[in-house]
Amino acid sequence: MQIKGWGITDIIILVGYLSEIITEYFGDGSRWGITIRYVKTPVEYDTGLRLKAAENILHDMFLMMYCDNICPIDFKRLTREYNENNALIQVSAYSNDDLYTRDNMIISENGMVKLYDKQRTSKGLRGVDIGYALISKKVLSLIDSENCNFESIVYPKLVKEQKLYATVTKHRYYSIGSFERIELTRRFLSGQKYIFLDRDGVINERPPKANYVCKPEDFKWIAGAKKALKKLQEEGFFIIIVSNQAGIARGAMTEHDFELVQAKMESDLEEVGVTIGAVYHCPHGWDENCECRKPKPGMLYMAQKDYSINLTECVLIGDDERDIITAHNANMKGILVTDDYSLEDAVNDIIKGIIRDYEVNEL
């Protein structure tokens, strides 16, 4: 369970409609090594009164989650920012750069929520509350005895007090709020294994600095790389390549040149029965400030959305510390290959369940 992985084992479920189905399925939580308690309230109660009904058993600080959303948030970061901001509530928010849903917040650069609009009608909204909120129990005093929606009543009051903050993630969240969303959520929870690889220096020999693999004949396989990719496929991994290709921006090669090199690589792999699932590349120069050039994690998030991937369950294998920083920026693990630790070595370890997450000074 997600929250058990964060060390949370005391869980309270606020139930109402068809509560017996929920309690029958989850029971006391002992089969998962957690404790589950239930607070049952009338069906017509909104979230405000439901929380008030649980007030006596809530901790001074607690995590509130929505029952219909799931997202692999960075809980350590959420907790750290809650403490650093001296917040009364620290919500998790999806950046919504892809207009996946309708925004309901305005968030400043330091994470302070400047506007919360439950109705989503205000101008300039950017970001959406997805739950996973760390909450000080003190805020329950803002709820009176009348039936009310917790966010609609409490969040605007905390905005005025500058005590509502957001931890923003670019990782898409998943929900069961519509039939379309249910299908995406099924894919997200399917258990399909994904792995990300840098190309130059991991799969093929890296050219000298300021040079590029511009033509198919420039592509030279690293010993053991094809064998490693074959093993990954046999283990059920969907293989994704993420590669910076600044040679395109510098005029050393074209997009078509890149495609020809990729075609050569994929043709070689077809001969040994290997298929690359997807390839993402950044054609920009280092000074263009794009979101896709590593160490920014833009290419990882592109793939995440395209394939409904849980990035926190994936690794990125690269030959440069920037690859590792890219992985860590997406809350993933990063494996560094070197002259003494090849892609084949890394794959053999992964198959054994060993992930050598490389530590790099990212300051």
Foldseek 3Di string as FASTA:
>chain_A
DLVVVVVAAEEEDEDEPPVVVVCVVCPQVVVVPGGYHYDYDYPPFAPLVSCVSCLVPDDQKDFWADPFKDANDDVVVQVVLCVVQVAQKEFEKEQCPVVPDQAAFDADPSFFTQGGHPVSPDPPGGIHTRGRMIHGSVQSVQDDPDGDHCCVRRVVVRSVVSRYGYDYDNQDMAGDPDPVRVVLVCLLPVPQAEEEEEDDPAAFDHDPPPDDCQALVSTHGDPCNLVLQVLCVVVRYQYEYEYEACCCVVVVHHPVSVVNNVVSVQVVSVVVPGHHRYYHYHNHDPPPPDQRDFPRQVVVNVVCVVRVYNLCNYEYEYADVSSLSSSVNNNHFYHHADPVAGSNNQSVCVVVVHHPRDDDPPD
